[in-house]
Amino acid sequence: MPLSPDTLHDDLLDASGLNCPEPVMMLHNKVRDLPPGGLLKVIATDPSTRRDIPKFCVFLGHELLEQAEDAGTYLYWIRKKAD
């Protein structure tokens, strides 16, 4: 079942208006501050995040629960890996 845009999350990263590599750099810092298993919602407008954020999750072992696009805005829900 897809996540709702209103799904409760532990933290939010709004990277709107930022271009590669800034969204992923900010994501790296934000995920570091999340508790293990925490849920992060990311909002971005850079189309390259469709490639970069899934690769980030695979590389670091986090779970990309959902990604969606709405009128040029890209949404991601990422579950931080348990330590």
PDB file of N, CA and C in Angstrom:
ATOM      1  N   MET A   1       0.844  -1.187   0.000  1.00  0.00           N
ATOM      2  CA  MET A   1       0.000   0.000   0.000  1.00  0.00           C
ATOM      3  C   MET A   1       0.890   1.251   0.000  1.00  0.00           C
ATOM      4  N   PRO A   2       0.702   2.157  -0.959  1.00  0.00           N
ATOM      5  CA  PRO A   2       1.526   3.362  -1.019  1.00  0.00           C
ATOM      6  C   PRO A   2       1.349   4.229   0.223  1.00  0.00           C
ATOM      7  N   LEU A   3       2.425   4.923   0.565  1.00  0.00           N
ATOM      8  CA  LEU A   3       2.370   5.838   1.691  1.00  0.00           C
ATOM      9  C   LEU A   3       1.588   7.079   1.293  1.00  0.00           C
ATOM     10  N   SER A   4       0.902   7.653   2.239  1.00  0.00           N
ATOM     11  CA  SER A   4       0.197   8.909   2.026  1.00  0.00           C
ATOM     12  C   SER A   4       1.188  10.055   2.178  1.00  0.00           C
ATOM     13  N   PRO A   5       1.005  11.155   1.446  1.00  0.00           N
ATOM     14  CA  PRO A   5       1.875  12.309   1.660  1.00  0.00           C
ATOM     15  C   PRO A   5       1.844  12.806   3.106  1.00  0.00           C
ATOM     16  N   ASP A   6       0.811  12.428   3.835  1.00  0.00           N
ATOM     17  CA  ASP A   6       0.681  12.841   5.233  1.00  0.00           C
ATOM     18  C   ASP A   6       1.209  11.797   6.217  1.00  0.00           C
ATOM     19  N   THR A   7       1.829  10.729   5.710  1.00  0.00           N
ATOM     20  CA  THR A   7       2.383   9.701   6.577  1.00  0.00           C
ATOM     21  C   THR A   7       3.292  10.348   7.617  1.00  0.00           C
ATOM     22  N   LEU A   8       3.126   9.946   8.858  1.00  0.00           N
ATOM     23  CA  LEU A   8       3.947  10.509   9.920  1.00  0.00           C
ATOM     24  C   LEU A   8       5.410  10.159   9.686  1.00  0.00           C
ATOM     25  N   HIS A   9       6.261  11.149   9.858  1.00  0.00           N
ATOM     26  CA  HIS A   9       7.689  10.948   9.688  1.00  0.00           C
ATOM     27  C   HIS A   9       8.398  11.591  10.874  1.00  0.00           C
ATOM     28  N   ASP A  10       9.616  11.122  11.123  1.00  0.00           N
ATOM     29  CA  ASP A  10      10.384  11.625  12.260  1.00  0.00           C
ATOM     30  C   ASP A  10      11.071  12.947  11.955  1.00  0.00           C
ATOM     31  N   ASP A  11      11.379  13.171  10.682  1.00  0.00           N
ATOM     32  CA  ASP A  11      12.041  14.413  10.295  1.00  0.00           C
ATOM     33  C   ASP A  11      11.733  14.689   8.831  1.00  0.00           C
ATOM     34  N   LEU A  12      11.959  15.931   8.419  1.00  0.00           N
ATOM     35  CA  LEU A  12      11.663  16.375   7.067  1.00  0.00           C
ATOM     36  C   LEU A  12      12.882  17.099   6.516  1.00  0.00           C
ATOM     37  N   LEU A  13      13.232  16.792   5.277  1.00  0.00           N
ATOM     38  CA  LEU A  13      14.276  17.520   4.561  1.00  0.00           C
ATOM     39  C   LEU A  13      13.633  18.154   3.343  1.00  0.00           C
ATOM     40  N   ASP A  14      13.597  19.473   3.315  1.00  0.00           N
ATOM     41  CA  ASP A  14      13.059  20.190   2.163  1.00  0.00           C
ATOM     42  C   ASP A  14      14.240  20.724   1.359  1.00  0.00           C
ATOM     43  N   ALA A  15      14.542  20.041   0.264  1.00  0.00           N
ATOM     44  CA  ALA A  15      15.653  20.431  -0.603  1.00  0.00           C
ATOM     45  C   ALA A  15      15.134  21.110  -1.871  1.00  0.00           C
ATOM     46  N   SER A  16      13.952  21.687  -1.799  1.00  0.00           N
ATOM     47  CA  SER A  16      13.355  22.362  -2.949  1.00  0.00           C
ATOM     48  C   SER A  16      14.263  23.487  -3.430  1.00  0.00           C
ATOM     49  N   GLY A  17      14.435  23.577  -4.753  1.00  0.00           N
ATOM     50  CA  GLY A  17      15.236  24.638  -5.337  1.00  0.00           C
ATOM     51  C   GLY A  17      16.722  24.354  -5.371  1.00  0.00           C
ATOM     52  N   LEU A  18      17.148  23.268  -4.757  1.00  0.00           N
ATOM     53  CA  LEU A  18      18.575  22.926  -4.744  1.00  0.00           C
ATOM     54  C   LEU A  18      18.887  21.931  -5.852  1.00  0.00           C
ATOM     55  N   ASN A  19      20.077  22.030  -6.404  1.00  0.00           N
ATOM     56  CA  ASN A  19      20.496  21.145  -7.484  1.00  0.00           C
ATOM     57  C   ASN A  19      21.639  20.255  -7.030  1.00  0.00           C
ATOM     58  N   CYS A  20      21.800  19.148  -7.760  1.00  0.00           N
ATOM     59  CA  CYS A  20      22.846  18.176  -7.493  1.00  0.00           C
ATOM     60  C   CYS A  20      24.191  18.896  -7.333  1.00  0.00           C
ATOM     61  N   PRO A  21      24.959  18.571  -6.324  1.00  0.00           N
ATOM     62  CA  PRO A  21      24.840  17.461  -5.372  1.00  0.00           C
ATOM     63  C   PRO A  21      24.222  17.855  -4.029  1.00  0.00           C
ATOM     64  N   GLU A  22      23.716  19.089  -3.916  1.00  0.00           N
ATOM     65  CA  GLU A  22      23.248  19.578  -2.613  1.00  0.00           C
ATOM     66  C   GLU A  22      22.170  18.721  -1.948  1.00  0.00           C
ATOM     67  N   PRO A  23      21.122  18.269  -2.661  1.00  0.00           N
ATOM     68  CA  PRO A  23      20.108  17.463  -1.962  1.00  0.00           C
ATOM     69  C   PRO A  23      20.680  16.209  -1.297  1.00  0.00           C
ATOM     70  N   VAL A  24      21.584  15.506  -1.982  1.00  0.00           N
ATOM     71  CA  VAL A  24      22.137  14.279  -1.407  1.00  0.00           C
ATOM     72  C   VAL A  24      23.105  14.598  -0.270  1.00  0.00           C
ATOM     73  N   MET A  25      23.837  15.685  -0.386  1.00  0.00           N
ATOM     74  CA  MET A  25      24.723  16.081   0.713  1.00  0.00           C
ATOM     75  C   MET A  25      23.903  16.414   1.964  1.00  0.00           C
ATOM     76  N   MET A  26      22.806  17.139   1.776  1.00  0.00           N
ATOM     77  CA  MET A  26      21.930  17.463   2.905  1.00  0.00           C
ATOM     78  C   MET A  26      21.280  16.202   3.461  1.00  0.00           C
ATOM     79  N   LEU A  27      20.898  15.286   2.572  1.00  0.00           N
ATOM     80  CA  LEU A  27      20.295  14.021   2.988  1.00  0.00           C
ATOM     81  C   LEU A  27      21.255  13.228   3.865  1.00  0.00           C
ATOM     82  N   HIS A  28      22.506  13.187   3.465  1.00  0.00           N
ATOM     83  CA  HIS A  28      23.506  12.453   4.246  1.00  0.00           C
ATOM     84  C   HIS A  28      23.578  12.995   5.678  1.00  0.00           C
ATOM     85  N   ASN A  29      23.612  14.293   5.828  1.00  0.00           N
ATOM     86  CA  ASN A  29      23.673  14.909   7.163  1.00  0.00           C
ATOM     87  C   ASN A  29      22.396  14.670   7.954  1.00  0.00           C
ATOM     88  N   LYS A  30      21.249  14.762   7.298  1.00  0.00           N
ATOM     89  CA  LYS A  30      19.965  14.603   7.988  1.00  0.00           C
ATOM     90  C   LYS A  30      19.782  13.164   8.471  1.00  0.00           C
ATOM     91  N   VAL A  31      20.140  12.193   7.631  1.00  0.00           N
ATOM     92  CA  VAL A  31      20.003  10.779   8.006  1.00  0.00           C
ATOM     93  C   VAL A  31      20.901  10.460   9.200  1.00  0.00           C
ATOM     94  N   ARG A  32      22.076  11.048   9.231  1.00  0.00           N
ATOM     95  CA  ARG A  32      23.014  10.816  10.330  1.00  0.00           C
ATOM     96  C   ARG A  32      22.382  11.180  11.680  1.00  0.00           C
ATOM     97  N   ASP A  33      21.542  12.215  11.694  1.00  0.00           N
ATOM     98  CA  ASP A  33      20.920  12.680  12.938  1.00  0.00           C
ATOM     99  C   ASP A  33      19.651  11.915  13.322  1.00  0.00           C
ATOM    100  N   LEU A  34      19.132  11.080  12.420  1.00  0.00           N
ATOM    101  CA  LEU A  34      17.930  10.296  12.712  1.00  0.00           C
ATOM    102  C   LEU A  34      18.255   9.129  13.636  1.00  0.00           C
ATOM    103  N   PRO A  35      17.307   8.734  14.479  1.00  0.00           N
ATOM    104  CA  PRO A  35      17.529   7.510  15.251  1.00  0.00           C
ATOM    105  C   PRO A  35      17.429   6.293  14.322  1.00  0.00           C
ATOM    106  N   PRO A  36      18.074   5.173  14.686  1.00  0.00           N
ATOM    107  CA  PRO A  36      17.939   3.961  13.873  1.00  0.00           C
ATOM    108  C   PRO A  36      16.468   3.614  13.673  1.00  0.00           C
ATOM    109  N   GLY A  37      16.086   3.311  12.448  1.00  0.00           N
ATOM    110  CA  GLY A  37      14.697   2.991  12.134  1.00  0.00           C
ATOM    111  C   GLY A  37      13.831   4.219  11.915  1.00  0.00           C
ATOM    112  N   GLY A  38      14.404   5.416  12.052  1.00  0.00           N
ATOM    113  CA  GLY A  38      13.629   6.647  11.876  1.00  0.00           C
ATOM    114  C   GLY A  38      13.197   6.835  10.428  1.00  0.00           C
ATOM    115  N   LEU A  39      12.097   7.545  10.241  1.00  0.00           N
ATOM    116  CA  LEU A  39      11.534   7.782   8.913  1.00  0.00           C
ATOM    117  C   LEU A  39      11.744   9.243   8.531  1.00  0.00           C
ATOM    118  N   LEU A  40      12.367   9.450   7.381  1.00  0.00           N
ATOM    119  CA  LEU A  40      12.645  10.785   6.863  1.00  0.00           C
ATOM    120  C   LEU A  40      11.841  11.005   5.593  1.00  0.00           C
ATOM    121  N   LYS A  41      11.164  12.135   5.518  1.00  0.00           N
ATOM    122  CA  LYS A  41      10.490  12.540   4.288  1.00  0.00           C
ATOM    123  C   LYS A  41      11.363  13.588   3.618  1.00  0.00           C
ATOM    124  N   VAL A  42      11.613  13.401   2.319  1.00  0.00           N
ATOM    125  CA  VAL A  42      12.440  14.332   1.549  1.00  0.00           C
ATOM    126  C   VAL A  42      11.576  14.945   0.454  1.00  0.00           C
ATOM    127  N   ILE A  43      11.685  16.260   0.318  1.00  0.00           N
ATOM    128  CA  ILE A  43      11.025  16.997  -0.755  1.00  0.00           C
ATOM    129  C   ILE A  43      12.127  17.606  -1.609  1.00  0.00           C
ATOM    130  N   ALA A  44      12.087  17.372  -2.917  1.00  0.00           N
ATOM    131  CA  ALA A  44      13.112  17.897  -3.811  1.00  0.00           C
ATOM    132  C   ALA A  44      12.470  18.339  -5.122  1.00  0.00           C
ATOM    133  N   THR A  45      13.170  19.211  -5.838  1.00  0.00           N
ATOM    134  CA  THR A  45      12.701  19.646  -7.157  1.00  0.00           C
ATOM    135  C   THR A  45      13.694  19.303  -8.253  1.00  0.00           C
ATOM    136  N   ASP A  46      14.856  18.794  -7.904  1.00  0.00           N
ATOM    137  CA  ASP A  46      15.882  18.421  -8.881  1.00  0.00           C
ATOM    138  C   ASP A  46      15.577  17.020  -9.418  1.00  0.00           C
ATOM    139  N   PRO A  47      15.325  16.893 -10.730  1.00  0.00           N
ATOM    140  CA  PRO A  47      15.019  15.573 -11.295  1.00  0.00           C
ATOM    141  C   PRO A  47      16.117  14.538 -11.076  1.00  0.00           C
ATOM    142  N   SER A  48      17.360  14.959 -10.897  1.00  0.00           N
ATOM    143  CA  SER A  48      18.440  13.987 -10.698  1.00  0.00           C
ATOM    144  C   SER A  48      18.282  13.225  -9.383  1.00  0.00           C
ATOM    145  N   THR A  49      17.452  13.726  -8.466  1.00  0.00           N
ATOM    146  CA  THR A  49      17.235  12.988  -7.217  1.00  0.00           C
ATOM    147  C   THR A  49      16.539  11.658  -7.474  1.00  0.00           C
ATOM    148  N   ARG A  50      15.833  11.531  -8.595  1.00  0.00           N
ATOM    149  CA  ARG A  50      15.184  10.249  -8.926  1.00  0.00           C
ATOM    150  C   ARG A  50      16.212   9.143  -9.100  1.00  0.00           C
ATOM    151  N   ARG A  51      17.412   9.514  -9.499  1.00  0.00           N
ATOM    152  CA  ARG A  51      18.512   8.557  -9.636  1.00  0.00           C
ATOM    153  C   ARG A  51      19.361   8.535  -8.370  1.00  0.00           C
ATOM    154  N   ASP A  52      19.689   9.713  -7.853  1.00  0.00           N
ATOM    155  CA  ASP A  52      20.670   9.833  -6.769  1.00  0.00           C
ATOM    156  C   ASP A  52      20.174   9.307  -5.429  1.00  0.00           C
ATOM    157  N   ILE A  53      18.924   9.577  -5.072  1.00  0.00           N
ATOM    158  CA  ILE A  53      18.435   9.161  -3.751  1.00  0.00           C
ATOM    159  C   ILE A  53      18.299   7.643  -3.657  1.00  0.00           C
ATOM    160  N   PRO A  54      17.732   6.951  -4.668  1.00  0.00           N
ATOM    161  CA  PRO A  54      17.726   5.482  -4.569  1.00  0.00           C
ATOM    162  C   PRO A  54      19.131   4.884  -4.468  1.00  0.00           C
ATOM    163  N   LYS A  55      20.096   5.429  -5.227  1.00  0.00           N
ATOM    164  CA  LYS A  55      21.473   4.925  -5.152  1.00  0.00           C
ATOM    165  C   LYS A  55      22.070   5.184  -3.778  1.00  0.00           C
ATOM    166  N   PHE A  56      21.786   6.344  -3.193  1.00  0.00           N
ATOM    167  CA  PHE A  56      22.246   6.677  -1.849  1.00  0.00           C
ATOM    168  C   PHE A  56      21.748   5.628  -0.852  1.00  0.00           C
ATOM    169  N   CYS A  57      20.458   5.293  -0.956  1.00  0.00           N
ATOM    170  CA  CYS A  57      19.866   4.324  -0.025  1.00  0.00           C
ATOM    171  C   CYS A  57      20.494   2.942  -0.177  1.00  0.00           C
ATOM    172  N   VAL A  58      20.670   2.488  -1.407  1.00  0.00           N
ATOM    173  CA  VAL A  58      21.273   1.173  -1.642  1.00  0.00           C
ATOM    174  C   VAL A  58      22.700   1.147  -1.111  1.00  0.00           C
ATOM    175  N   PHE A  59      23.457   2.180  -1.412  1.00  0.00           N
ATOM    176  CA  PHE A  59      24.873   2.229  -1.039  1.00  0.00           C
ATOM    177  C   PHE A  59      25.062   2.221   0.481  1.00  0.00           C
ATOM    178  N   LEU A  60      24.188   2.938   1.198  1.00  0.00           N
ATOM    179  CA  LEU A  60      24.350   3.058   2.652  1.00  0.00           C
ATOM    180  C   LEU A  60      23.447   2.121   3.450  1.00  0.00           C
ATOM    181  N   GLY A  61      22.588   1.364   2.768  1.00  0.00           N
ATOM    182  CA  GLY A  61      21.779   0.362   3.453  1.00  0.00           C
ATOM    183  C   GLY A  61      20.488   0.868   4.056  1.00  0.00           C
ATOM    184  N   HIS A  62      20.052   2.064   3.656  1.00  0.00           N
ATOM    185  CA  HIS A  62      18.774   2.577   4.133  1.00  0.00           C
ATOM    186  C   HIS A  62      17.663   2.070   3.212  1.00  0.00           C
ATOM    187  N   GLU A  63      16.431   2.109   3.685  1.00  0.00           N
ATOM    188  CA  GLU A  63      15.311   1.582   2.910  1.00  0.00           C
ATOM    189  C   GLU A  63      14.505   2.723   2.310  1.00  0.00           C
ATOM    190  N   LEU A  64      14.422   2.760   0.995  1.00  0.00           N
ATOM    191  CA  LEU A  64      13.562   3.714   0.312  1.00  0.00           C
ATOM    192  C   LEU A  64      12.166   3.100   0.263  1.00  0.00           C
ATOM    193  N   LEU A  65      11.305   3.572   1.137  1.00  0.00           N
ATOM    194  CA  LEU A  65       9.975   2.982   1.255  1.00  0.00           C
ATOM    195  C   LEU A  65       9.061   3.376   0.107  1.00  0.00           C
ATOM    196  N   GLU A  66       9.215   4.610  -0.347  1.00  0.00           N
ATOM    197  CA  GLU A  66       8.290   5.128  -1.359  1.00  0.00           C
ATOM    198  C   GLU A  66       8.938   6.324  -2.031  1.00  0.00           C
ATOM    199  N   GLN A  67       8.638   6.499  -3.300  1.00  0.00           N
ATOM    200  CA  GLN A  67       8.987   7.745  -3.963  1.00  0.00           C
ATOM    201  C   GLN A  67       7.831   8.106  -4.877  1.00  0.00           C
ATOM    202  N   ALA A  68       7.601   9.411  -5.020  1.00  0.00           N
ATOM    203  CA  ALA A  68       6.470   9.890  -5.811  1.00  0.00           C
ATOM    204  C   ALA A  68       6.850  11.205  -6.469  1.00  0.00           C
ATOM    205  N   GLU A  69       6.134  11.535  -7.518  1.00  0.00           N
ATOM    206  CA  GLU A  69       6.340  12.805  -8.202  1.00  0.00           C
ATOM    207  C   GLU A  69       5.005  13.502  -8.323  1.00  0.00           C
ATOM    208  N   ASP A  70       5.007  14.797  -8.056  1.00  0.00           N
ATOM    209  CA  ASP A  70       3.785  15.579  -8.155  1.00  0.00           C
ATOM    210  C   ASP A  70       4.131  16.941  -8.730  1.00  0.00           C
ATOM    211  N   ALA A  71       3.847  17.143 -10.016  1.00  0.00           N
ATOM    212  CA  ALA A  71       4.033  18.440 -10.679  1.00  0.00           C
ATOM    213  C   ALA A  71       5.435  19.002 -10.487  1.00  0.00           C
ATOM    214  N   GLY A  72       6.447  18.183 -10.741  1.00  0.00           N
ATOM    215  CA  GLY A  72       7.821  18.662 -10.648  1.00  0.00           C
ATOM    216  C   GLY A  72       8.409  18.656  -9.253  1.00  0.00           C
ATOM    217  N   THR A  73       7.668  18.146  -8.290  1.00  0.00           N
ATOM    218  CA  THR A  73       8.179  17.978  -6.928  1.00  0.00           C
ATOM    219  C   THR A  73       8.336  16.479  -6.685  1.00  0.00           C
ATOM    220  N   TYR A  74       9.487  16.103  -6.161  1.00  0.00           N
ATOM    221  CA  TYR A  74       9.800  14.697  -5.921  1.00  0.00           C
ATOM    222  C   TYR A  74       9.778  14.445  -4.424  1.00  0.00           C
ATOM    223  N   LEU A  75       9.059  13.407  -4.033  1.00  0.00           N
ATOM    224  CA  LEU A  75       8.902  13.055  -2.620  1.00  0.00           C
ATOM    225  C   LEU A  75       9.504  11.679  -2.382  1.00  0.00           C
ATOM    226  N   TYR A  76      10.186  11.546  -1.253  1.00  0.00           N
ATOM    227  CA  TYR A  76      10.826  10.284  -0.876  1.00  0.00           C
ATOM    228  C   TYR A  76      10.598  10.040   0.601  1.00  0.00           C
ATOM    229  N   TRP A  77      10.368   8.786   0.956  1.00  0.00           N
ATOM    230  CA  TRP A  77      10.279   8.377   2.361  1.00  0.00           C
ATOM    231  C   TRP A  77      11.360   7.331   2.585  1.00  0.00           C
ATOM    232  N   ILE A  78      12.291   7.660   3.473  1.00  0.00           N
ATOM    233  CA  ILE A  78      13.470   6.823   3.695  1.00  0.00           C
ATOM    234  C   ILE A  78      13.511   6.368   5.148  1.00  0.00           C
ATOM    235  N   ARG A  79      13.633   5.052   5.340  1.00  0.00           N
ATOM    236  CA  ARG A  79      13.768   4.478   6.683  1.00  0.00           C
ATOM    237  C   ARG A  79      15.252   4.243   6.939  1.00  0.00           C
ATOM    238  N   LYS A  80      15.776   4.877   7.986  1.00  0.00           N
ATOM    239  CA  LYS A  80      17.188   4.700   8.324  1.00  0.00           C
ATOM    240  C   LYS A  80      17.409   3.271   8.788  1.00  0.00           C
ATOM    241  N   LYS A  81      18.524   2.708   8.356  1.00  0.00           N
ATOM    242  CA  LYS A  81      18.832   1.331   8.758  1.00  0.00           C
ATOM    243  C   LYS A  81      19.022   1.266  10.268  1.00  0.00           C
ATOM    244  N   ALA A  82      18.692   0.104  10.810  1.00  0.00           N
ATOM    245  CA  ALA A  82      18.926  -0.127  12.236  1.00  0.00           C
ATOM    246  C   ALA A  82      20.415  -0.366  12.434  1.00  0.00           C
ATOM    247  N   ASP A  83      20.954   0.171  13.500  1.00  0.00           N
ATOM    248  CA  ASP A  83      22.398  -0.011  13.762  1.00  0.00           C
ATOM    249  C   ASP A  83      22.719  -1.419  14.181  1.00  0.00           C
TER     250      ASP A  83
END
